[in-house]
Amino acid sequence: MQLRRVAASARRWGTHPSAPAVSTTPFTVAVKSTRPALARSFLLPVTAARSFSTSSSSIFDLAQALKAKETSTDDRVAAIDALGLSDSLDKTVKERIALEIVDSNALEALLSFLQDSDTIASSDLLVPAFLALIRLSTDPLLAQELLRLDSPKILTPFLTQTDPRLQAAACLTLGNLALEPTAADAVSSPDVVSAALSVLTNSHEAIKRAGCTCVANVASSAQGRRQIIDQDGVLRMGELLEDEYSDPLRSASAFALGNILSGRDIDAQDLLRESGALPALVLLLSPVFAEDVNSSAAWAVHHGVHLNAASQSLVAEAGGLALLVQHLPVEHWSRCRPTRCWVWRAL
């Protein structure tokens, strides 16, 4: 299935730290495969677009404005806001602009604002810089350059920030970077995974969802899955399946569990079953939930029971087979919808 990048909202977040403006629109899922990885990733909705100049000189001018000491904070924010890559651009033009952004060292300037965040001037640039990094990290060339600049190490401390805006922004950016094949080692280090899993304890559900997205994408690599499992990621994700949480969060958690379990680790499958998370996933297959919830649950069940007789028996005893079959009307088998694809494999 195709790994799709996180496209975060490009609108400005609120200034109140207890009210993060993270979208609560349910995630959508990509199901076509162009990569060998078994894991899937979330695509968050784009709620705003930015305009910018596509000339070479303007890109370098923007980079110079970011780096010049005499540039005012307002002018720096304007320059940051102007950096971006529109989806409407021709592929060739988009690649050219991405290369110019790399050559201009604009990414290095953005990361420097995060590193110097203790200064008053840089602290005013944190949110704009993060918004730009979220946008730019969706491009493969720019993501590779951010990895070369050791951005995961720079971003990781923000996962444990008290400001939920910065936590969410770090999650989204790291989630984008995690989808680069060359990112596996950098984003699956013990420190990165530990910080990402800590986001799941945040009191804001929107931030928990951002954390689930980040962990799900880190789990797209074998190294990431191993590190997440070793740090009790199965148990911590399973806790978010409880009915006290919203359906979108439970769906995000189920989706991440599917990615984590996609390596077919028998011990992790057993832990899913023994912790009570597997019956919770079966419950989410019920037609009373939205199809995206059903799809996420079926994805997790598929990987949670594969070649595991004990887990398969539990699903059957919990009425899971009947729920799975409800998603498989014969007339639709030939044009398998997302839920039915994963349900069929789970069966």
Protein backbone atom coordinates (compact mmCIF):
# COMPACT_ATOMS: atom_id res chain seq x y z
CA MET A 1 0.00 0.00 0.00
CA GLN A 2 1.13 3.47 -0.79
CA LEU A 3 2.78 5.47 1.95
CA ARG A 4 1.33 8.95 1.87
CA ARG A 5 2.73 11.98 3.60
CA VAL A 6 1.17 14.06 6.32
CA ALA A 7 -0.07 17.41 5.03
CA ALA A 8 -0.78 19.49 8.10
CA SER A 9 -2.95 22.53 8.31
CA ALA A 10 -1.07 25.58 7.10
CA ARG A 11 -3.21 28.03 9.01
CA ARG A 12 -1.82 29.75 12.07
CA TRP A 13 -2.38 27.98 15.35
CA GLY A 14 -3.93 29.75 18.26
CA THR A 15 -1.66 31.38 20.80
CA HIS A 16 -3.34 29.80 23.79
CA PRO A 17 -1.29 26.76 24.80
CA SER A 18 -4.27 24.84 26.10
CA ALA A 19 -6.22 25.06 22.88
CA PRO A 20 -4.20 23.51 20.06
CA ALA A 21 -5.76 24.06 16.68
CA VAL A 22 -5.12 20.58 15.36
CA SER A 23 -7.72 19.27 12.94
CA THR A 24 -10.10 16.68 14.32
CA THR A 25 -11.29 15.61 10.88
CA PRO A 26 -10.98 11.81 10.63
CA PHE A 27 -7.90 10.51 8.90
CA THR A 28 -8.12 9.07 5.42
CA VAL A 29 -6.22 6.02 4.33
CA ALA A 30 -4.22 5.14 1.26
CA VAL A 31 -4.44 1.49 0.24
CA LYS A 32 -2.55 1.07 -3.04
CA SER A 33 0.97 -0.27 -2.82
CA THR A 34 3.98 1.17 -4.59
CA ARG A 35 6.53 0.33 -1.88
CA PRO A 36 7.52 -2.95 -0.29
CA ALA A 37 6.74 -1.73 3.23
CA LEU A 38 3.66 -3.27 4.78
CA ALA A 39 2.82 -0.35 6.98
CA ARG A 40 0.36 2.40 6.08
CA SER A 41 0.37 6.04 7.05
CA PHE A 42 -2.19 8.78 7.64
CA LEU A 43 -2.95 11.71 5.39
CA LEU A 44 -4.19 14.66 7.40
CA PRO A 45 -6.45 17.18 5.63
CA VAL A 46 -4.99 20.33 4.12
CA THR A 47 -7.08 23.25 5.38
CA ALA A 48 -5.19 26.15 3.86
CA ALA A 49 -2.88 26.87 0.96
CA ARG A 50 -0.08 29.38 0.68
CA SER A 51 0.95 31.42 -2.32
CA PHE A 52 4.56 32.08 -3.18
CA SER A 53 6.79 33.20 -6.00
CA THR A 54 8.39 30.51 -8.15
CA SER A 55 11.35 32.50 -9.46
CA SER A 56 14.87 31.45 -8.50
CA SER A 57 15.80 34.92 -7.32
CA SER A 58 12.83 35.10 -4.96
CA ILE A 59 13.75 31.81 -3.25
CA PHE A 60 17.28 33.02 -2.61
CA ASP A 61 15.98 36.43 -1.53
CA LEU A 62 13.70 34.74 0.99
CA ALA A 63 16.59 32.67 2.31
CA GLN A 64 18.73 35.77 2.66
CA ALA A 65 15.94 37.51 4.55
CA LEU A 66 15.77 34.57 6.95
CA LYS A 67 19.50 34.63 7.63
CA ALA A 68 20.26 38.38 7.70
CA LYS A 69 20.77 39.74 11.22
CA GLU A 70 19.13 43.06 10.36
CA THR A 71 15.86 41.43 9.23
CA SER A 72 12.99 42.23 11.58
CA THR A 73 10.91 39.48 13.15
CA ASP A 74 7.87 40.48 11.10
CA ASP A 75 9.86 40.32 7.87
CA ARG A 76 11.28 36.95 8.84
CA VAL A 77 7.78 35.62 9.48
CA ALA A 78 6.69 36.92 6.07
CA ALA A 79 9.66 35.19 4.43
CA ILE A 80 8.92 31.94 6.26
CA ASP A 81 5.28 32.08 5.23
CA ALA A 82 6.28 32.53 1.58
CA LEU A 83 8.25 29.28 1.47
CA GLY A 84 6.24 26.41 0.12
CA LEU A 85 5.45 24.04 -2.72
CA SER A 86 1.99 24.17 -4.25
CA ASP A 87 0.37 20.90 -5.29
CA SER A 88 -0.93 22.66 -8.39
CA LEU A 89 2.59 23.12 -9.77
CA ASP A 90 3.92 21.06 -12.66
CA LYS A 91 6.15 18.25 -11.37
CA THR A 92 9.21 19.64 -13.14
CA VAL A 93 8.64 23.14 -11.72
CA LYS A 94 8.04 21.71 -8.26
CA GLU A 95 11.31 19.76 -8.38
CA ARG A 96 13.20 22.85 -9.55
CA ILE A 97 11.86 24.96 -6.70
CA ALA A 98 12.64 22.22 -4.17
CA LEU A 99 16.22 22.12 -5.44
CA GLU A 100 16.46 25.91 -5.14
CA ILE A 101 15.20 25.76 -1.56
CA VAL A 102 17.93 23.24 -0.78
CA ASP A 103 20.62 25.30 -2.53
CA SER A 104 19.53 28.48 -0.75
CA ASN A 105 20.05 26.90 2.71
CA ALA A 106 16.56 28.02 3.71
CA LEU A 107 15.95 24.73 5.54
CA GLU A 108 19.07 25.23 7.61
CA ALA A 109 17.82 28.69 8.55
CA LEU A 110 14.43 27.31 9.63
CA LEU A 111 16.06 24.66 11.80
CA SER A 112 18.29 27.30 13.37
CA PHE A 113 15.19 29.09 14.69
CA LEU A 114 14.24 25.87 16.50
CA GLN A 115 17.73 25.48 17.92
CA ASP A 116 17.84 29.10 19.14
CA SER A 117 14.33 29.02 20.59
CA ASP A 118 15.52 30.31 23.98
CA THR A 119 16.05 33.77 22.52
CA ILE A 120 13.03 36.08 22.37
CA ALA A 121 13.39 36.71 18.64
CA SER A 122 13.60 33.02 17.77
CA SER A 123 10.75 32.07 20.10
CA ASP A 124 8.47 34.34 18.05
CA LEU A 125 9.48 32.38 14.97
CA LEU A 126 8.87 28.89 16.35
CA VAL A 127 5.31 28.34 15.15
CA PRO A 128 5.85 29.91 11.68
CA ALA A 129 9.06 27.88 11.27
CA PHE A 130 7.31 24.67 12.27
CA LEU A 131 4.43 25.32 9.88
CA ALA A 132 6.92 25.79 7.06
CA LEU A 133 8.78 22.59 8.00
CA ILE A 134 5.52 20.63 8.04
CA ARG A 135 4.70 21.89 4.54
CA LEU A 136 8.18 21.42 3.11
CA SER A 137 8.81 17.98 4.61
CA THR A 138 6.10 16.52 2.37
CA ASP A 139 8.49 16.85 -0.58
CA PRO A 140 10.93 13.91 -0.95
CA LEU A 141 13.95 16.04 -1.89
CA LEU A 142 13.37 18.48 0.97
CA ALA A 143 12.72 15.63 3.40
CA GLN A 144 16.05 14.09 2.43
CA GLU A 145 17.80 17.41 2.99
CA LEU A 146 16.15 17.80 6.39
CA LEU A 147 17.41 14.36 7.31
CA ARG A 148 20.92 15.30 6.17
CA LEU A 149 20.69 18.31 8.49
CA ASP A 150 19.94 15.95 11.41
CA SER A 151 16.46 17.40 11.89
CA PRO A 152 15.04 14.44 13.90
CA LYS A 153 17.54 15.20 16.66
CA ILE A 154 16.50 18.88 16.58
CA LEU A 155 12.77 18.06 16.55
CA THR A 156 12.74 15.40 19.27
CA PRO A 157 12.94 17.76 22.31
CA PHE A 158 9.75 19.47 21.11
CA LEU A 159 7.81 16.22 21.53
CA THR A 160 8.05 16.71 25.28
CA GLN A 161 7.29 20.45 25.26
CA THR A 162 4.48 21.74 27.46
CA ASP A 163 3.14 23.81 24.55
CA PRO A 164 0.80 21.42 22.68
CA ARG A 165 1.18 23.41 19.45
CA LEU A 166 4.87 22.59 19.36
CA GLN A 167 4.26 18.96 20.32
CA ALA A 168 1.81 18.52 17.47
CA ALA A 169 4.09 20.31 15.02
CA ALA A 170 7.05 18.12 15.93
CA CYS A 171 4.89 15.00 15.57
CA LEU A 172 3.67 16.02 12.13
CA THR A 173 7.13 16.92 10.85
CA LEU A 174 8.73 13.75 12.19
CA GLY A 175 5.83 11.75 10.78
CA ASN A 176 6.56 13.17 7.33
CA LEU A 177 10.28 12.49 7.61
CA ALA A 178 9.64 8.93 8.79
CA LEU A 179 8.20 8.07 5.39
CA GLU A 180 11.54 8.61 3.69
CA PRO A 181 13.27 5.23 3.20
CA THR A 182 16.57 6.78 4.32
CA ALA A 183 15.02 8.01 7.59
CA ALA A 184 14.64 4.64 9.31
CA ASP A 185 17.73 4.84 11.51
CA ALA A 186 17.24 8.50 12.47
CA VAL A 187 13.56 8.30 13.44
CA SER A 188 13.70 4.90 15.13
CA SER A 189 16.37 5.74 17.68
CA PRO A 190 15.41 4.98 21.30
CA ASP A 191 15.23 8.69 22.16
CA VAL A 192 12.94 9.59 19.26
CA VAL A 193 10.58 6.66 19.83
CA SER A 194 10.46 7.27 23.59
CA ALA A 195 9.56 10.93 23.05
CA ALA A 196 6.95 10.08 20.41
CA LEU A 197 5.28 7.52 22.67
CA SER A 198 5.24 10.04 25.53
CA VAL A 199 2.94 12.25 23.43
CA LEU A 200 0.23 9.60 23.85
CA THR A 201 -0.13 10.64 27.50
CA ASN A 202 -1.01 14.23 26.60
CA SER A 203 -4.35 15.40 28.01
CA HIS A 204 -5.47 16.77 24.62
CA GLU A 205 -6.97 14.17 22.30
CA ALA A 206 -5.87 16.10 19.22
CA ILE A 207 -2.26 15.88 20.40
CA LYS A 208 -2.66 12.16 21.13
CA ARG A 209 -3.83 11.72 17.54
CA ALA A 210 -0.81 13.58 16.24
CA GLY A 211 1.33 11.25 18.35
CA CYS A 212 -0.45 8.21 16.89
CA THR A 213 0.25 9.51 13.39
CA CYS A 214 3.93 9.97 14.17
CA VAL A 215 4.28 6.52 15.74
CA ALA A 216 2.37 4.91 12.87
CA ASN A 217 4.77 6.39 10.34
CA VAL A 218 7.85 5.48 12.38
CA ALA A 219 6.48 1.92 12.33
CA SER A 220 6.74 1.87 8.53
CA SER A 221 10.28 0.54 8.95
CA ALA A 222 11.43 -2.68 10.60
CA GLN A 223 13.74 -0.72 12.92
CA GLY A 224 10.89 1.54 13.97
CA ARG A 225 8.54 -1.36 14.68
CA ARG A 226 11.16 -3.15 16.77
CA GLN A 227 11.91 -0.07 18.87
CA ILE A 228 8.21 0.72 19.39
CA ILE A 229 7.49 -2.84 20.51
CA ASP A 230 10.50 -2.85 22.82
CA GLN A 231 9.21 0.34 24.47
CA ASP A 232 5.73 -1.10 25.18
CA GLY A 233 4.17 0.66 22.20
CA VAL A 234 1.58 -2.10 21.74
CA LEU A 235 0.29 -1.66 25.28
CA ARG A 236 0.34 2.13 25.11
CA MET A 237 -1.52 2.20 21.82
CA GLY A 238 -3.96 -0.42 23.03
CA GLU A 239 -4.96 1.79 25.95
CA LEU A 240 -6.30 4.37 23.48
CA LEU A 241 -8.86 1.88 22.15
CA GLU A 242 -10.98 2.26 25.30
CA ASP A 243 -14.49 3.64 24.81
CA GLU A 244 -13.70 6.72 26.90
CA TYR A 245 -11.88 8.13 23.88
CA SER A 246 -13.34 9.58 20.69
CA ASP A 247 -13.82 7.44 17.60
CA PRO A 248 -11.17 9.37 15.60
CA LEU A 249 -8.56 8.73 18.30
CA ARG A 250 -9.49 5.06 18.57
CA SER A 251 -9.24 4.79 14.79
CA ALA A 252 -5.81 6.45 14.81
CA SER A 253 -4.64 4.08 17.53
CA ALA A 254 -5.93 1.03 15.67
CA PHE A 255 -4.24 2.22 12.52
CA ALA A 256 -0.93 2.63 14.31
CA LEU A 257 -1.28 -0.82 15.87
CA GLY A 258 -1.74 -2.29 12.41
CA ASN A 259 1.53 -0.72 11.32
CA ILE A 260 3.36 -1.81 14.48
CA LEU A 261 2.13 -5.40 14.05
CA SER A 262 2.79 -5.53 10.31
CA GLY A 263 6.16 -7.16 11.00
CA ARG A 264 4.24 -10.27 12.15
CA ASP A 265 5.95 -10.38 15.55
CA ILE A 266 4.30 -13.28 17.39
CA ASP A 267 5.19 -11.94 20.84
CA ALA A 268 3.61 -8.59 19.97
CA GLN A 269 0.51 -10.37 18.67
CA ASP A 270 0.28 -12.33 21.91
CA LEU A 271 0.64 -9.12 23.91
CA LEU A 272 -2.17 -7.54 21.89
CA ARG A 273 -4.42 -10.46 22.76
CA GLU A 274 -3.41 -10.81 26.41
CA SER A 275 -3.76 -7.08 27.13
CA GLY A 276 -7.38 -7.02 25.96
CA ALA A 277 -6.66 -4.80 22.97
CA LEU A 278 -7.62 -7.45 20.41
CA PRO A 279 -11.26 -7.71 21.62
CA ALA A 280 -11.38 -3.89 21.61
CA LEU A 281 -10.32 -3.93 17.95
CA VAL A 282 -13.02 -6.49 17.16
CA LEU A 283 -15.58 -4.15 18.71
CA LEU A 284 -14.47 -1.37 16.35
CA LEU A 285 -15.44 -3.58 13.41
CA SER A 286 -19.09 -3.02 14.32
CA PRO A 287 -21.14 -1.21 11.65
CA VAL A 288 -22.17 1.35 14.27
CA PHE A 289 -18.75 2.92 13.70
CA ALA A 290 -17.74 4.90 10.63
CA GLU A 291 -16.06 3.04 7.78
CA ASP A 292 -12.66 4.61 8.43
CA VAL A 293 -12.83 3.24 11.99
CA ASN A 294 -13.80 -0.18 10.64
CA SER A 295 -10.94 -0.02 8.13
CA SER A 296 -8.34 0.85 10.76
CA ALA A 297 -9.61 -1.91 13.04
CA ALA A 298 -9.60 -4.48 10.22
CA TRP A 299 -6.05 -3.45 9.32
CA ALA A 300 -4.93 -4.04 12.91
CA VAL A 301 -6.87 -7.31 13.26
CA HIS A 302 -5.35 -8.59 10.02
CA HIS A 303 -1.82 -8.13 11.32
CA GLY A 304 -2.75 -9.02 14.89
CA VAL A 305 -3.96 -12.54 14.06
CA HIS A 306 -1.82 -13.51 11.06
CA LEU A 307 -0.50 -17.06 11.58
CA ASN A 308 -1.45 -16.82 15.27
CA ALA A 309 -3.94 -19.56 16.11
CA ALA A 310 -4.67 -18.32 19.64
CA SER A 311 -5.49 -14.83 18.41
CA GLN A 312 -7.60 -16.17 15.56
CA SER A 313 -9.60 -18.25 18.04
CA LEU A 314 -10.18 -15.24 20.28
CA VAL A 315 -11.48 -13.18 17.35
CA ALA A 316 -13.88 -15.97 16.47
CA GLU A 317 -15.06 -16.36 20.07
CA ALA A 318 -15.60 -12.59 20.37
CA GLY A 319 -17.92 -12.64 17.38
CA GLY A 320 -15.31 -11.10 15.16
CA LEU A 321 -15.98 -13.37 12.20
CA ALA A 322 -19.59 -12.23 11.98
CA LEU A 323 -18.52 -8.60 12.13
CA LEU A 324 -15.86 -9.16 9.49
CA VAL A 325 -18.30 -10.87 7.15
CA GLN A 326 -20.70 -7.92 7.42
CA HIS A 327 -18.12 -5.88 5.52
CA LEU A 328 -17.90 -8.43 2.70
CA PRO A 329 -21.09 -8.45 0.59
CA VAL A 330 -20.35 -10.72 -2.39
CA GLU A 331 -21.34 -8.15 -5.03
CA HIS A 332 -18.56 -5.84 -3.84
CA TRP A 333 -15.67 -8.31 -3.66
CA SER A 334 -14.45 -7.47 -7.16
CA ARG A 335 -14.05 -3.78 -6.27
CA CYS A 336 -12.68 -4.16 -2.80
CA ARG A 337 -13.18 -1.04 -0.68
CA PRO A 338 -10.54 -0.26 1.99
CA THR A 339 -12.38 -1.98 4.81
CA ARG A 340 -13.19 -5.06 2.76
CA CYS A 341 -9.62 -5.46 1.57
CA TRP A 342 -8.32 -5.77 5.12
CA VAL A 343 -11.31 -7.77 6.30
CA TRP A 344 -10.79 -10.30 3.51
CA ARG A 345 -7.14 -10.72 4.51
CA ALA A 346 -8.08 -11.02 8.18
CA LEU A 347 -10.46 -13.84 7.32
